[in-house]
């Protein structure tokens, strides 16, 4: 198994996740989207293989934001 940590930039990954989730939920508060992106990326930042951190983190952040918005409705 290849362990790749080079090329993984946590801040860049958070920004990408945040941007995509915000685009998906334009009515969501930017602070909430940022927080969920940080939580999701942090969860996997120390994973030995980081190839899919952005995809997994985006799915988790998107689900958390969607759940929060549904609860507010």
Protein backbone atom coordinates (compact mmCIF):
# COMPACT_ATOMS: atom_id res chain seq x y z
CA UNK A 1 0.00 0.00 0.00
CA UNK A 2 1.33 3.42 -0.92
CA UNK A 3 1.36 6.00 1.84
CA UNK A 4 1.21 9.39 0.21
CA UNK A 5 1.32 12.49 2.33
CA UNK A 6 3.18 14.70 -0.12
CA UNK A 7 0.75 16.79 -2.07
CA UNK A 8 -1.75 16.87 0.78
CA UNK A 9 -2.36 20.38 2.03
CA UNK A 10 -4.89 20.45 4.85
CA UNK A 11 -5.81 24.12 4.41
CA UNK A 12 -6.21 23.69 0.66
CA UNK A 13 -8.37 20.62 1.20
CA UNK A 14 -10.59 22.46 3.70
CA UNK A 15 -10.97 25.37 1.27
CA UNK A 16 -11.95 23.05 -1.58
CA UNK A 17 -14.47 21.16 0.53
CA UNK A 18 -15.87 24.43 1.85
CA UNK A 19 -16.21 25.89 -1.65
CA UNK A 20 -18.03 22.86 -3.05
CA UNK A 21 -20.38 22.48 -0.08
CA UNK A 22 -21.18 26.22 -0.11
CA UNK A 23 -21.97 26.00 -3.84
CA UNK A 24 -24.30 23.07 -3.13
CA UNK A 25 -26.03 24.91 -0.26
CA UNK A 26 -25.87 28.64 -1.07
CA UNK A 27 -28.31 29.49 1.74
CA UNK A 28 -26.11 27.90 4.41
CA UNK A 29 -24.18 30.21 6.69
CA UNK A 30 -20.55 30.36 5.50
CA UNK A 31 -19.30 29.94 9.08
CA UNK A 32 -21.25 26.69 9.47
CA UNK A 33 -19.97 25.37 6.13
CA UNK A 34 -16.40 26.25 7.11
CA UNK A 35 -16.75 24.57 10.50
CA UNK A 36 -18.16 21.38 9.01
CA UNK A 37 -15.42 21.33 6.36
CA UNK A 38 -12.73 21.68 9.03
CA UNK A 39 -14.26 18.94 11.19
CA UNK A 40 -14.55 16.55 8.26
CA UNK A 41 -11.01 17.14 6.97
CA UNK A 42 -9.54 16.96 10.48
CA UNK A 43 -11.13 13.56 10.92
CA UNK A 44 -9.03 12.12 8.09
CA UNK A 45 -5.97 14.42 8.07
CA UNK A 46 -3.81 11.81 9.77
CA UNK A 47 -4.94 8.91 7.59
CA UNK A 48 -2.00 6.99 6.12
CA UNK A 49 -3.45 7.30 2.61
CA UNK A 50 -4.80 10.73 1.73
CA UNK A 51 -5.87 10.20 -1.87
CA UNK A 52 -9.58 10.38 -1.08
CA UNK A 53 -9.68 12.68 1.97
CA UNK A 54 -11.25 15.50 -0.03
CA UNK A 55 -14.02 13.30 -1.40
CA UNK A 56 -14.85 11.66 1.92
CA UNK A 57 -14.62 14.94 3.83
CA UNK A 58 -16.88 16.67 1.31
CA UNK A 59 -19.53 13.97 1.66
CA UNK A 60 -19.45 14.23 5.45
CA UNK A 61 -19.51 18.03 5.46
CA UNK A 62 -22.33 18.08 2.91
CA UNK A 63 -24.39 15.64 4.99
CA UNK A 64 -23.80 17.66 8.18
CA UNK A 65 -24.80 20.94 6.51
CA UNK A 66 -27.86 19.33 4.92
CA UNK A 67 -28.90 17.89 8.27
CA UNK A 68 -28.43 21.24 9.99
CA UNK A 69 -30.47 23.06 7.36
CA UNK A 70 -33.25 20.48 7.62
CA UNK A 71 -33.33 20.89 11.40
CA UNK A 72 -33.63 24.67 11.01
CA UNK A 73 -36.64 24.33 8.69
